[in-house]
Amino acid sequence: MSARDPDALAVAEVVAPHGIHGWVRVRLHDPSSKALRRGLTATLRRADAEDRKIKLLAVDPIPGKPACRVQIDGTNDRDAAEALRGYELWLARKDLPPLADDEFYLADAIGLPVERVLADGRVQQLGTVVGLTSNGAQDLLEIEWHPVNRRADTWLLPVVPHFIAELADRLRVDLPLGMLPDELEEPGA
């Protein structure tokens, strides 16, 4: 599975060893996720190392935290667990819980054009989704746009259900006044 593999998504990051018997603590990218479970095969990935296929032997939520403690087959002591710090844990889409009709994976929005329909029915291009970030309270999509006679710039779109009108081969948004850069707020932009 590569970072561009549409059949895999990063769901957590190994943040520390947990105890002395090889368990690791992972921080979930979605604190409410139930994607990790016993028996799954996953991939550990870090930029400076080769991918590692692993099997999850046990997964226990840590109450009150967006984290789990995980036992990985073949990781039997604290040193082995410490060596996994910084790896992301990737799962095949087929192993992820099913999505509801109104849900999507944020990673699926990357690369999509962003647009809105103006009051007169015209479609205004607002940029392209180039990344994801978080402000601690909510997820944000990073939108790159190209102002006239200036270098590319970015603006942030909160991932809030009433802002996302449609997601298919593009991301159509319905935003209140003041959410866009000034040049994009103007209907003629």
Protein backbone atom coordinates (compact mmCIF):
# COMPACT_ATOMS: atom_id res chain seq x y z
CA MET A 1 0.00 0.00 0.00
CA SER A 2 1.41 3.36 -0.93
CA ALA A 3 0.35 6.83 0.19
CA ARG A 4 -1.39 7.20 -3.18
CA ASP A 5 -3.12 3.84 -2.98
CA PRO A 6 -6.87 4.57 -3.11
CA ASP A 7 -7.54 1.28 -1.35
CA ALA A 8 -5.74 2.25 1.87
CA LEU A 9 -6.15 5.00 4.46
CA ALA A 10 -4.07 6.10 7.43
CA VAL A 11 -6.17 5.65 10.57
CA ALA A 12 -3.71 6.14 13.44
CA GLU A 13 -0.15 6.94 14.48
CA VAL A 14 2.02 5.02 16.93
CA VAL A 15 2.87 7.58 19.61
CA ALA A 16 4.57 5.54 22.34
CA PRO A 17 5.18 2.13 23.83
CA HIS A 18 2.58 0.99 26.34
CA GLY A 19 3.99 -1.08 29.17
CA ILE A 20 6.89 -3.52 28.99
CA HIS A 21 5.41 -6.36 26.93
CA GLY A 22 5.52 -4.81 23.46
CA TRP A 23 2.17 -3.07 23.31
CA VAL A 24 2.01 0.35 21.62
CA ARG A 25 -0.22 3.35 22.15
CA VAL A 26 -1.75 4.71 18.95
CA ARG A 27 -3.50 8.05 18.45
CA LEU A 28 -6.51 7.70 16.19
CA HIS A 29 -6.90 10.28 13.42
CA ASP A 30 -10.67 10.07 14.07
CA PRO A 31 -11.14 9.83 17.85
CA SER A 32 -14.51 8.08 17.41
CA SER A 33 -13.15 5.49 14.96
CA LYS A 34 -13.87 1.81 15.52
CA ALA A 35 -11.65 0.77 12.58
CA LEU A 36 -8.95 -0.97 14.64
CA ARG A 37 -9.84 -4.44 15.84
CA ARG A 38 -8.27 -7.75 16.71
CA GLY A 39 -7.14 -9.92 13.80
CA LEU A 40 -6.74 -7.19 11.19
CA THR A 41 -3.73 -7.05 8.92
CA ALA A 42 -2.42 -3.49 8.65
CA THR A 43 0.58 -1.64 7.26
CA LEU A 44 2.97 0.44 9.34
CA ARG A 45 4.40 3.30 7.28
CA ARG A 46 6.99 5.99 7.98
CA ALA A 47 8.78 8.20 5.44
CA ASP A 48 12.27 7.04 6.44
CA ALA A 49 11.57 3.29 6.54
CA GLU A 50 10.10 0.47 4.50
CA ASP A 51 6.45 -0.41 4.95
CA ARG A 52 5.80 -3.26 7.40
CA LYS A 53 2.80 -5.60 7.23
CA ILE A 54 1.56 -6.43 10.73
CA LYS A 55 -1.27 -8.28 12.42
CA LEU A 56 -3.20 -6.74 15.31
CA LEU A 57 -3.48 -9.25 18.15
CA ALA A 58 -5.44 -7.02 20.53
CA VAL A 59 -6.92 -3.51 20.53
CA ASP A 60 -8.08 -1.84 23.74
CA PRO A 61 -9.46 1.73 23.84
CA ILE A 62 -7.91 4.04 26.41
CA PRO A 63 -10.91 5.62 28.20
CA GLY A 64 -11.20 9.38 27.80
CA LYS A 65 -8.48 9.62 25.15
CA PRO A 66 -8.48 9.49 21.33
CA ALA A 67 -6.12 6.53 21.60
CA CYS A 68 -5.89 2.77 21.89
CA ARG A 69 -3.32 0.37 23.18
CA VAL A 70 -2.49 -2.22 20.54
CA GLN A 71 -0.65 -5.52 20.66
CA ILE A 72 1.17 -6.26 17.39
CA ASP A 73 2.24 -9.76 16.42
CA GLY A 74 6.03 -10.06 16.81
CA THR A 75 6.45 -6.97 19.00
CA ASN A 76 7.24 -8.53 22.37
CA ASP A 77 9.13 -5.98 24.45
CA ARG A 78 9.33 -2.27 25.16
CA ASP A 79 12.35 -1.72 22.88
CA ALA A 80 10.53 -3.25 19.89
CA ALA A 81 7.49 -1.11 20.68
CA GLU A 82 9.64 2.03 21.01
CA ALA A 83 11.09 1.36 17.53
CA LEU A 84 7.56 1.73 16.09
CA ARG A 85 7.08 5.29 17.39
CA GLY A 86 6.17 7.65 14.55
CA TYR A 87 4.80 5.00 12.19
CA GLU A 88 1.35 5.55 10.73
CA LEU A 89 -1.04 2.64 10.78
CA TRP A 90 -2.78 2.12 7.41
CA LEU A 91 -5.79 -0.10 6.73
CA ALA A 92 -7.23 -1.38 3.47
CA ARG A 93 -10.60 0.23 2.71
CA LYS A 94 -12.24 -3.20 2.71
CA ASP A 95 -11.32 -3.48 6.42
CA LEU A 96 -12.84 -0.12 7.38
CA PRO A 97 -16.35 0.21 8.82
CA PRO A 98 -18.98 1.02 6.17
CA LEU A 99 -19.83 4.67 5.60
CA ALA A 100 -23.31 6.13 5.92
CA ASP A 101 -24.82 7.69 2.79
CA ASP A 102 -23.88 11.21 3.92
CA GLU A 103 -20.30 10.33 4.97
CA PHE A 104 -16.99 10.35 3.11
CA TYR A 105 -13.33 9.90 3.94
CA LEU A 106 -11.56 13.26 4.13
CA ALA A 107 -8.64 11.82 2.15
CA ASP A 108 -11.03 11.28 -0.79
CA ALA A 109 -11.49 15.05 -1.12
CA ILE A 110 -7.79 15.73 -1.80
CA GLY A 111 -7.28 16.72 -5.42
CA LEU A 112 -10.91 17.64 -6.04
CA PRO A 113 -11.91 21.03 -7.42
CA VAL A 114 -14.03 23.14 -5.07
CA GLU A 115 -16.96 25.16 -6.37
CA ARG A 116 -20.15 26.88 -5.33
CA VAL A 117 -23.33 27.80 -7.17
CA LEU A 118 -24.05 31.53 -7.11
CA ALA A 119 -27.55 32.99 -6.69
CA ASP A 120 -27.80 33.57 -10.47
CA GLY A 121 -27.00 29.88 -11.16
CA ARG A 122 -23.40 30.38 -12.30
CA VAL A 123 -20.76 28.02 -10.91
CA GLN A 124 -17.79 29.71 -9.24
CA GLN A 125 -14.48 27.84 -8.99
CA LEU A 126 -12.95 28.29 -5.52
CA GLY A 127 -9.75 26.23 -5.85
CA THR A 128 -8.57 22.67 -5.30
CA VAL A 129 -8.35 20.61 -2.10
CA VAL A 130 -4.62 20.12 -1.47
CA GLY A 131 -4.50 18.87 2.10
CA LEU A 132 -6.05 18.25 5.49
CA THR A 133 -5.36 19.85 8.83
CA SER A 134 -7.07 20.33 12.18
CA ASN A 135 -7.42 23.22 14.60
CA GLY A 136 -8.01 20.84 17.50
CA ALA A 137 -11.75 21.36 17.45
CA GLN A 138 -12.51 20.29 13.89
CA ASP A 139 -10.99 19.04 10.67
CA LEU A 140 -10.18 21.55 7.94
CA LEU A 141 -9.64 21.11 4.21
CA GLU A 142 -6.80 23.19 2.75
CA ILE A 143 -7.99 24.79 -0.49
CA GLU A 144 -5.44 26.22 -2.94
CA TRP A 145 -6.61 28.93 -5.32
CA HIS A 146 -4.87 31.21 -7.79
CA PRO A 147 -5.64 34.92 -7.37
CA VAL A 148 -5.20 37.06 -10.48
CA ASN A 149 -1.61 38.35 -10.84
CA ARG A 150 -0.44 36.72 -7.57
CA ARG A 151 1.05 33.44 -6.51
CA ALA A 152 -1.19 30.61 -5.34
CA ASP A 153 -2.76 31.04 -1.92
CA THR A 154 -4.72 28.77 0.43
CA TRP A 155 -7.83 29.11 2.52
CA LEU A 156 -9.31 26.70 5.06
CA LEU A 157 -12.71 25.06 4.81
CA PRO A 158 -14.13 23.65 8.06
CA VAL A 159 -15.47 20.14 7.47
CA VAL A 160 -18.97 20.87 8.70
CA PRO A 161 -21.95 19.01 7.20
CA HIS A 162 -23.94 22.13 6.33
CA PHE A 163 -20.96 23.58 4.35
CA ILE A 164 -20.55 20.45 2.16
CA ALA A 165 -23.36 20.41 -0.41
CA GLU A 166 -22.05 17.56 -2.57
CA LEU A 167 -18.97 15.41 -3.02
CA ALA A 168 -18.49 13.46 -6.24
CA ASP A 169 -15.92 14.34 -8.90
CA ARG A 170 -15.82 17.79 -7.26
CA LEU A 171 -16.58 19.31 -3.88
CA ARG A 172 -19.57 21.64 -4.04
CA VAL A 173 -19.90 23.92 -1.02
CA ASP A 174 -22.61 26.18 0.38
CA LEU A 175 -20.86 28.78 2.53
CA PRO A 176 -22.09 31.77 4.52
CA LEU A 177 -20.75 35.24 3.78
CA GLY A 178 -17.28 35.78 5.26
CA MET A 179 -15.94 32.22 4.85
CA LEU A 180 -13.89 32.93 1.72
CA PRO A 181 -10.94 35.19 0.92
CA ASP A 182 -12.20 38.66 -0.11
CA GLU A 183 -11.47 38.12 -3.82
CA LEU A 184 -13.59 34.97 -3.83
CA GLU A 185 -16.46 36.48 -1.84
CA GLU A 186 -17.28 38.75 -4.76
CA PRO A 187 -19.77 36.97 -7.05
CA GLY A 188 -17.90 38.18 -10.13
CA ALA A 189 -14.59 36.67 -8.98
